[in-house]
């Protein structure tokens, strides 16, 4: 589904600091992945490369065997992947259901039911929702897309333990029941333990932990 092939990345500062060094990884549908590693190890950079928000210095990112730059990064972001962020990134002047409809053509009402947002919240401004509710709306928005890859950057970072567990279950369901490829960057040991496969980024390399 999604493949990183011999990718290297570094920041062009006075002294080049290698973030990723000749990394190759394959990701498959129906699997819930987490990516862990020390702060500054390159986890968010790696996710940005998968999302087409940044480009590798060397190597390529492939979607279904095709370099994502061939059809363009905008195409990749619009059709192949959906994103969930730690700070939700909802449109704060829109209602709950309007935010979900922005994600794609899937039934917004059904998606909100799936993620546990009751009808009484659908027409409220999203700022009137709790943090956990906003993250559920963000996941519903991501699922509104037909994209087969869901990428999440610290999706439980701002949530209490109970709410975080509910979000983790939603992510697992997205992979196992909907058959999507779910890739999550996290500092949370608990979240990583719930994944099917765990990758660690350290010293420019990506290791398979489980």
Protein backbone atom coordinates (compact mmCIF):
# COMPACT_ATOMS: atom_id res chain seq x y z
CA UNK A 1 0.00 0.00 0.00
CA UNK A 2 2.55 2.60 1.17
CA UNK A 3 6.28 2.12 0.81
CA UNK A 4 9.30 4.15 1.88
CA UNK A 5 12.24 3.20 -0.32
CA UNK A 6 15.83 4.17 0.50
CA UNK A 7 14.74 7.51 1.93
CA UNK A 8 17.22 9.96 3.44
CA UNK A 9 16.38 13.33 4.95
CA UNK A 10 18.39 16.02 6.69
CA UNK A 11 17.95 19.64 7.70
CA UNK A 12 19.99 22.06 5.64
CA UNK A 13 21.60 23.96 8.47
CA UNK A 14 25.19 25.07 8.88
CA UNK A 15 25.99 21.51 9.72
CA UNK A 16 23.88 18.84 8.07
CA UNK A 17 22.06 16.70 10.63
CA UNK A 18 20.90 13.39 9.19
CA UNK A 19 17.33 12.66 10.37
CA UNK A 20 16.62 9.61 8.21
CA UNK A 21 19.41 7.61 6.62
CA UNK A 22 18.56 5.23 3.75
CA UNK A 23 15.30 4.07 5.35
CA UNK A 24 13.07 1.43 3.73
CA UNK A 25 9.71 0.39 5.22
CA UNK A 26 6.50 -1.18 3.87
CA UNK A 27 3.01 -0.50 5.25
CA UNK A 28 -0.05 -2.67 4.54
CA UNK A 29 -3.82 -2.31 4.68
CA UNK A 30 -5.70 -3.61 7.71
CA UNK A 31 -2.79 -3.04 10.09
CA UNK A 32 -2.48 -0.54 12.94
CA UNK A 33 1.10 0.78 13.16
CA UNK A 34 2.69 3.03 15.73
CA UNK A 35 5.97 4.89 15.31
CA UNK A 36 7.92 5.71 18.46
CA UNK A 37 11.28 7.27 19.22
CA UNK A 38 13.01 9.97 21.27
CA UNK A 39 12.07 13.62 20.84
CA UNK A 40 13.83 15.02 17.79
CA UNK A 41 14.39 11.57 16.27
CA UNK A 42 12.37 12.41 13.16
CA UNK A 43 8.97 10.84 13.86
CA UNK A 44 6.92 13.83 12.68
CA UNK A 45 9.29 14.36 9.74
CA UNK A 46 8.74 10.73 8.72
CA UNK A 47 4.96 11.18 8.93
CA UNK A 48 5.25 14.37 6.86
CA UNK A 49 7.07 12.44 4.14
CA UNK A 50 4.36 9.77 4.13
CA UNK A 51 1.72 12.49 3.87
CA UNK A 52 3.43 14.34 1.05
CA UNK A 53 3.82 17.42 3.24
CA UNK A 54 7.58 17.25 2.72
CA UNK A 55 9.88 15.54 0.24
CA UNK A 56 12.89 13.31 0.78
CA UNK A 57 16.42 14.44 -0.03
CA UNK A 58 17.05 10.98 -1.49
CA UNK A 59 14.83 7.98 -2.15
CA UNK A 60 11.10 7.85 -2.77
CA UNK A 61 7.72 7.26 -1.17
CA UNK A 62 5.47 4.93 -3.16
CA UNK A 63 1.69 4.49 -3.06
CA UNK A 64 0.53 1.26 -4.71
CA UNK A 65 3.95 1.03 -6.33
CA UNK A 66 3.95 4.54 -7.80
CA UNK A 67 6.12 7.43 -6.64
CA UNK A 68 3.77 9.93 -4.98
CA UNK A 69 5.47 12.81 -6.81
CA UNK A 70 4.37 11.39 -10.20
CA UNK A 71 0.74 12.52 -9.83
CA UNK A 72 1.78 15.30 -7.48
CA UNK A 73 1.82 15.73 -3.73
CA UNK A 74 -1.50 17.60 -3.77
CA UNK A 75 -3.13 14.61 -5.45
CA UNK A 76 -1.58 12.28 -2.88
CA UNK A 77 -2.88 14.35 0.03
CA UNK A 78 -6.34 14.68 -1.51
CA UNK A 79 -6.90 11.07 -2.58
CA UNK A 80 -4.52 8.68 -0.84
CA UNK A 81 -4.17 9.80 2.77
CA UNK A 82 -6.18 11.44 5.55
CA UNK A 83 -4.69 13.15 8.59
CA UNK A 84 -5.51 13.41 12.30
CA UNK A 85 -3.55 15.85 14.48
CA UNK A 86 -2.94 16.26 18.21
CA UNK A 87 -4.62 19.68 18.21
CA UNK A 88 -7.57 18.38 16.09
CA UNK A 89 -7.23 21.08 13.34
CA UNK A 90 -10.99 21.52 13.08
CA UNK A 91 -12.49 24.63 11.46
CA UNK A 92 -13.54 26.53 14.56
CA UNK A 93 -16.34 28.59 13.00
CA UNK A 94 -18.14 25.52 11.61
CA UNK A 95 -20.43 23.00 13.24
CA UNK A 96 -19.53 19.41 14.02
CA UNK A 97 -21.28 17.97 10.98
CA UNK A 98 -19.93 20.70 8.66
CA UNK A 99 -16.39 19.79 9.70
CA UNK A 100 -16.95 16.12 8.91
CA UNK A 101 -18.45 16.93 5.51
CA UNK A 102 -15.23 18.76 4.62
CA UNK A 103 -13.38 15.44 4.79
CA UNK A 104 -15.06 13.77 1.85
CA UNK A 105 -18.22 12.22 0.47
CA UNK A 106 -18.93 9.54 3.06
CA UNK A 107 -22.13 9.89 5.12
CA UNK A 108 -21.26 12.43 7.85
CA UNK A 109 -24.16 11.45 10.11
CA UNK A 110 -23.26 7.77 10.03
CA UNK A 111 -19.61 8.54 10.72
CA UNK A 112 -20.50 10.69 13.74
CA UNK A 113 -22.62 7.84 15.08
CA UNK A 114 -19.71 5.45 14.52
CA UNK A 115 -17.31 7.60 16.54
CA UNK A 116 -19.82 8.12 19.34
CA UNK A 117 -20.94 11.71 18.74
CA UNK A 118 -24.67 11.98 19.50
CA UNK A 119 -27.14 13.85 17.30
CA UNK A 120 -27.48 16.62 19.89
CA UNK A 121 -23.91 17.69 19.10
CA UNK A 122 -24.06 17.67 15.30
CA UNK A 123 -25.12 21.28 14.82
CA UNK A 124 -23.04 22.73 17.64
CA UNK A 125 -19.94 24.77 16.97
CA UNK A 126 -16.96 22.45 17.46
CA UNK A 127 -15.50 24.75 20.14
CA UNK A 128 -18.44 23.78 22.34
CA UNK A 129 -17.22 20.17 22.38
CA UNK A 130 -14.76 18.60 24.82
CA UNK A 131 -11.25 17.70 23.70
CA UNK A 132 -12.18 14.04 23.38
CA UNK A 133 -15.26 14.89 21.35
CA UNK A 134 -13.24 17.15 19.06
CA UNK A 135 -10.75 14.36 18.43
CA UNK A 136 -13.59 11.98 17.58
CA UNK A 137 -14.90 14.57 15.10
CA UNK A 138 -11.39 14.84 13.61
CA UNK A 139 -11.31 11.06 13.13
CA UNK A 140 -14.80 11.11 11.58
CA UNK A 141 -13.60 13.82 9.19
CA UNK A 142 -10.61 11.65 8.24
CA UNK A 143 -12.90 8.67 7.66
CA UNK A 144 -15.16 10.75 5.40
CA UNK A 145 -12.38 10.47 2.85
CA UNK A 146 -12.06 7.46 0.56
CA UNK A 147 -8.32 7.44 1.32
CA UNK A 148 -6.94 4.06 2.35
CA UNK A 149 -4.21 5.45 4.62
CA UNK A 150 -4.92 7.29 7.88
CA UNK A 151 -1.97 9.14 9.41
CA UNK A 152 -2.15 10.48 12.97
CA UNK A 153 0.34 12.64 14.87
CA UNK A 154 0.02 12.23 18.67
CA UNK A 155 -3.79 11.82 18.47
CA UNK A 156 -4.12 11.10 22.22
CA UNK A 157 -1.54 13.63 23.42
CA UNK A 158 -4.09 16.13 24.78
CA UNK A 159 -6.53 13.60 26.21
CA UNK A 160 -7.09 11.97 29.59
CA UNK A 161 -6.43 8.23 29.92
CA UNK A 162 -10.04 7.08 29.53
CA UNK A 163 -10.70 9.24 26.48
CA UNK A 164 -7.35 8.20 25.00
CA UNK A 165 -8.40 4.55 25.29
CA UNK A 166 -11.59 5.31 23.37
CA UNK A 167 -9.60 7.01 20.60
CA UNK A 168 -7.22 4.05 20.44
CA UNK A 169 -10.18 1.71 19.98
CA UNK A 170 -11.43 3.89 17.11
CA UNK A 171 -8.03 3.73 15.43
CA UNK A 172 -7.89 -0.06 15.84
CA UNK A 173 -11.41 -0.37 14.42
CA UNK A 174 -10.40 1.78 11.43
CA UNK A 175 -7.61 -0.67 10.62
CA UNK A 176 -9.27 -3.97 11.48
CA UNK A 177 -12.90 -3.37 10.50
CA UNK A 178 -12.52 -0.85 7.68
CA UNK A 179 -9.31 -2.38 6.33
CA UNK A 180 -7.38 0.87 6.24
CA UNK A 181 -3.67 1.34 6.86
CA UNK A 182 -3.39 3.31 10.12
CA UNK A 183 -0.02 4.86 11.04
CA UNK A 184 0.30 6.75 14.32
CA UNK A 185 3.24 8.72 15.69
CA UNK A 186 3.21 8.71 19.47
CA UNK A 187 5.17 9.16 22.69
CA UNK A 188 2.58 7.05 24.51
CA UNK A 189 3.84 3.65 25.60
CA UNK A 190 0.25 2.56 26.20
CA UNK A 191 -0.84 3.49 22.68
CA UNK A 192 2.14 1.76 21.11
CA UNK A 193 1.40 -1.44 23.04
CA UNK A 194 -2.06 -1.55 21.43
CA UNK A 195 -0.68 -1.51 17.88
CA UNK A 196 -0.30 -4.52 15.61
CA UNK A 197 3.20 -3.42 14.63
CA UNK A 198 5.58 -0.99 16.34
CA UNK A 199 8.41 0.85 14.59
CA UNK A 200 11.10 2.91 16.31
CA UNK A 201 13.07 5.73 14.74
CA UNK A 202 16.50 6.13 16.28
CA UNK A 203 19.79 7.55 15.01
CA UNK A 204 18.44 7.92 11.47
CA UNK A 205 17.21 4.34 11.17
CA UNK A 206 13.82 2.67 11.50
CA UNK A 207 13.67 -0.53 13.53
CA UNK A 208 10.83 -3.01 13.81
CA UNK A 209 10.10 -3.51 17.53
CA UNK A 210 7.13 -5.81 17.06
